[in-house]
């Protein structure tokens, strides 16, 4: 598969949000090659959290993981590997707010800078 090319107004997912999924796959002794191949990226690309990937390919990644691990709840199990640092600025906002309304107010205020 070739790398996803971001076009104006096209939907995408950032690789940074997929890092917990890849960490979980490693803990399950899965070779990352087929999963990376689905996204058209290499393992070194996981270091670039802002790299865009096609959300349709992300769906295929989860389906492949479900099949290979024989786990219909693989998405939930991958989510357990999520750490605050995987969320970048959003995670920092969450860590520095005592209440949900503070988070949403700050997010609304700064979303144009983040996106």
C-alpha atoms as a PDB file:
ATOM      1  CA  UNK A   1       0.000   0.000   0.000  1.00  0.00           C
ATOM      2  CA  UNK A   2       1.271   3.479  -0.742  1.00  0.00           C
ATOM      3  CA  UNK A   3       1.446   6.395   1.655  1.00  0.00           C
ATOM      4  CA  UNK A   4      -1.712   8.402   2.218  1.00  0.00           C
ATOM      5  CA  UNK A   5      -1.634  11.802   0.539  1.00  0.00           C
ATOM      6  CA  UNK A   6      -3.520  14.459   2.420  1.00  0.00           C
ATOM      7  CA  UNK A   7      -5.830  16.475   0.194  1.00  0.00           C
ATOM      8  CA  UNK A   8      -7.685  19.642   1.200  1.00  0.00           C
ATOM      9  CA  UNK A   9     -10.785  18.905   3.280  1.00  0.00           C
ATOM     10  CA  UNK A  10     -10.083  15.162   3.387  1.00  0.00           C
ATOM     11  CA  UNK A  11     -10.562  13.112   6.544  1.00  0.00           C
ATOM     12  CA  UNK A  12      -7.496  11.650   8.179  1.00  0.00           C
ATOM     13  CA  UNK A  13      -6.210  10.102  11.378  1.00  0.00           C
ATOM     14  CA  UNK A  14      -2.864  11.047  12.871  1.00  0.00           C
ATOM     15  CA  UNK A  15      -0.368   8.269  13.524  1.00  0.00           C
ATOM     16  CA  UNK A  16       0.117   9.534  17.074  1.00  0.00           C
ATOM     17  CA  UNK A  17      -3.353   8.292  17.999  1.00  0.00           C
ATOM     18  CA  UNK A  18      -2.409   4.807  16.809  1.00  0.00           C
ATOM     19  CA  UNK A  19       0.708   4.410  18.934  1.00  0.00           C
ATOM     20  CA  UNK A  20      -1.182   2.624  21.738  1.00  0.00           C
ATOM     21  CA  UNK A  21      -2.507   0.149  19.180  1.00  0.00           C
ATOM     22  CA  UNK A  22       1.010  -0.634  17.994  1.00  0.00           C
ATOM     23  CA  UNK A  23       2.291  -0.891  21.554  1.00  0.00           C
ATOM     24  CA  UNK A  24      -0.480  -3.365  22.315  1.00  0.00           C
ATOM     25  CA  UNK A  25       0.334  -5.388  19.188  1.00  0.00           C
ATOM     26  CA  UNK A  26       3.961  -5.592  20.341  1.00  0.00           C
ATOM     27  CA  UNK A  27       2.873  -6.917  23.742  1.00  0.00           C
ATOM     28  CA  UNK A  28       0.915  -9.607  21.907  1.00  0.00           C
ATOM     29  CA  UNK A  29       4.056 -10.651  19.974  1.00  0.00           C
ATOM     30  CA  UNK A  30       2.589  -9.507  16.677  1.00  0.00           C
ATOM     31  CA  UNK A  31       4.830  -8.533  13.789  1.00  0.00           C
ATOM     32  CA  UNK A  32       4.041  -4.915  12.992  1.00  0.00           C
ATOM     33  CA  UNK A  33       4.878  -5.315   9.309  1.00  0.00           C
ATOM     34  CA  UNK A  34       1.394  -6.300   8.072  1.00  0.00           C
ATOM     35  CA  UNK A  35      -0.253  -3.538  10.095  1.00  0.00           C
ATOM     36  CA  UNK A  36       2.215  -0.896   8.974  1.00  0.00           C
ATOM     37  CA  UNK A  37       1.813  -2.127   5.413  1.00  0.00           C
ATOM     38  CA  UNK A  38      -1.935  -1.558   5.601  1.00  0.00           C
ATOM     39  CA  UNK A  39      -1.290   2.072   6.462  1.00  0.00           C
ATOM     40  CA  UNK A  40       1.466   2.471   3.897  1.00  0.00           C
ATOM     41  CA  UNK A  41       4.001   3.492   6.546  1.00  0.00           C
ATOM     42  CA  UNK A  42       7.216   2.197   8.095  1.00  0.00           C
ATOM     43  CA  UNK A  43       8.027   1.682  11.761  1.00  0.00           C
ATOM     44  CA  UNK A  44      10.078   4.885  11.850  1.00  0.00           C
ATOM     45  CA  UNK A  45       6.924   6.779  10.786  1.00  0.00           C
ATOM     46  CA  UNK A  46       5.429   5.981  14.200  1.00  0.00           C
ATOM     47  CA  UNK A  47       7.814   8.612  15.601  1.00  0.00           C
ATOM     48  CA  UNK A  48       5.956  11.326  13.659  1.00  0.00           C
ATOM     49  CA  UNK A  49       2.691  11.768  15.595  1.00  0.00           C
ATOM     50  CA  UNK A  50       1.311  14.246  13.054  1.00  0.00           C
ATOM     51  CA  UNK A  51       1.681  11.951  10.054  1.00  0.00           C
ATOM     52  CA  UNK A  52      -1.765  11.563   8.452  1.00  0.00           C
ATOM     53  CA  UNK A  53      -3.145   8.146   7.537  1.00  0.00           C
ATOM     54  CA  UNK A  54      -6.346   7.177   5.803  1.00  0.00           C
ATOM     55  CA  UNK A  55      -9.107   6.417   8.343  1.00  0.00           C
ATOM     56  CA  UNK A  56     -10.382   3.606   6.096  1.00  0.00           C
ATOM     57  CA  UNK A  57      -6.994   1.939   6.426  1.00  0.00           C
ATOM     58  CA  UNK A  58      -7.201   2.340  10.206  1.00  0.00           C
ATOM     59  CA  UNK A  59     -10.476   0.397  10.131  1.00  0.00           C
ATOM     60  CA  UNK A  60      -8.678  -2.369   8.235  1.00  0.00           C
ATOM     61  CA  UNK A  61      -5.869  -2.338  10.801  1.00  0.00           C
ATOM     62  CA  UNK A  62      -8.356  -3.048  13.599  1.00  0.00           C
ATOM     63  CA  UNK A  63     -10.069  -5.757  11.576  1.00  0.00           C
ATOM     64  CA  UNK A  64      -6.730  -7.443  10.877  1.00  0.00           C
ATOM     65  CA  UNK A  65      -5.765  -7.251  14.557  1.00  0.00           C
ATOM     66  CA  UNK A  66      -9.132  -8.719  15.541  1.00  0.00           C
ATOM     67  CA  UNK A  67      -8.610 -11.594  13.118  1.00  0.00           C
ATOM     68  CA  UNK A  68      -4.950 -12.257  13.958  1.00  0.00           C
ATOM     69  CA  UNK A  69      -5.507 -12.124  17.713  1.00  0.00           C
ATOM     70  CA  UNK A  70      -8.888 -13.854  17.567  1.00  0.00           C
ATOM     71  CA  UNK A  71     -10.197 -11.081  19.813  1.00  0.00           C
ATOM     72  CA  UNK A  72     -13.505  -9.353  18.999  1.00  0.00           C
ATOM     73  CA  UNK A  73     -12.692  -6.754  21.687  1.00  0.00           C
ATOM     74  CA  UNK A  74      -9.235  -5.878  20.399  1.00  0.00           C
ATOM     75  CA  UNK A  75     -10.080  -2.162  20.216  1.00  0.00           C
ATOM     76  CA  UNK A  76     -10.908  -2.096  23.904  1.00  0.00           C
ATOM     77  CA  UNK A  77      -7.743  -3.980  24.757  1.00  0.00           C
ATOM     78  CA  UNK A  78      -5.676  -1.604  22.640  1.00  0.00           C
ATOM     79  CA  UNK A  79      -7.322   1.323  24.412  1.00  0.00           C
ATOM     80  CA  UNK A  80      -6.005   0.041  27.722  1.00  0.00           C
ATOM     81  CA  UNK A  81      -2.506   0.759  26.396  1.00  0.00           C
ATOM     82  CA  UNK A  82      -3.406   4.471  26.013  1.00  0.00           C
ATOM     83  CA  UNK A  83      -1.281   6.902  28.005  1.00  0.00           C
ATOM     84  CA  UNK A  84      -1.790  10.649  28.359  1.00  0.00           C
ATOM     85  CA  UNK A  85       1.323  11.398  26.290  1.00  0.00           C
ATOM     86  CA  UNK A  86      -0.268   9.621  23.321  1.00  0.00           C
ATOM     87  CA  UNK A  87      -2.821  12.432  23.134  1.00  0.00           C
ATOM     88  CA  UNK A  88      -0.276  15.231  22.799  1.00  0.00           C
ATOM     89  CA  UNK A  89      -1.706  18.669  23.545  1.00  0.00           C
ATOM     90  CA  UNK A  90      -5.150  17.209  24.281  1.00  0.00           C
ATOM     91  CA  UNK A  91      -3.597  15.014  26.969  1.00  0.00           C
ATOM     92  CA  UNK A  92      -1.796  17.984  28.485  1.00  0.00           C
ATOM     93  CA  UNK A  93      -5.046  19.940  28.601  1.00  0.00           C
ATOM     94  CA  UNK A  94      -6.780  17.029  30.310  1.00  0.00           C
ATOM     95  CA  UNK A  95      -4.020  16.675  32.898  1.00  0.00           C
ATOM     96  CA  UNK A  96      -4.149  20.349  33.793  1.00  0.00           C
ATOM     97  CA  UNK A  97      -7.903  20.641  34.293  1.00  0.00           C
ATOM     98  CA  UNK A  98      -9.762  19.711  37.441  1.00  0.00           C
ATOM     99  CA  UNK A  99     -13.156  19.613  35.797  1.00  0.00           C
ATOM    100  CA  UNK A 100     -14.460  18.580  32.395  1.00  0.00           C
ATOM    101  CA  UNK A 101     -15.916  22.031  31.723  1.00  0.00           C
ATOM    102  CA  UNK A 102     -12.419  23.546  32.104  1.00  0.00           C
ATOM    103  CA  UNK A 103     -11.090  21.111  29.531  1.00  0.00           C
ATOM    104  CA  UNK A 104     -13.836  21.922  27.040  1.00  0.00           C
ATOM    105  CA  UNK A 105     -13.444  25.676  27.557  1.00  0.00           C
ATOM    106  CA  UNK A 106      -9.688  25.500  26.989  1.00  0.00           C
ATOM    107  CA  UNK A 107     -10.066  23.156  24.057  1.00  0.00           C
ATOM    108  CA  UNK A 108     -12.591  25.510  22.430  1.00  0.00           C
ATOM    109  CA  UNK A 109     -10.297  28.458  23.056  1.00  0.00           C
ATOM    110  CA  UNK A 110      -7.191  26.846  21.569  1.00  0.00           C
ATOM    111  CA  UNK A 111      -8.527  24.352  19.019  1.00  0.00           C
ATOM    112  CA  UNK A 112      -7.614  26.579  16.067  1.00  0.00           C
ATOM    113  CA  UNK A 113      -3.990  26.545  17.230  1.00  0.00           C
ATOM    114  CA  UNK A 114      -3.975  22.779  17.696  1.00  0.00           C
ATOM    115  CA  UNK A 115      -5.695  21.877  14.450  1.00  0.00           C
END
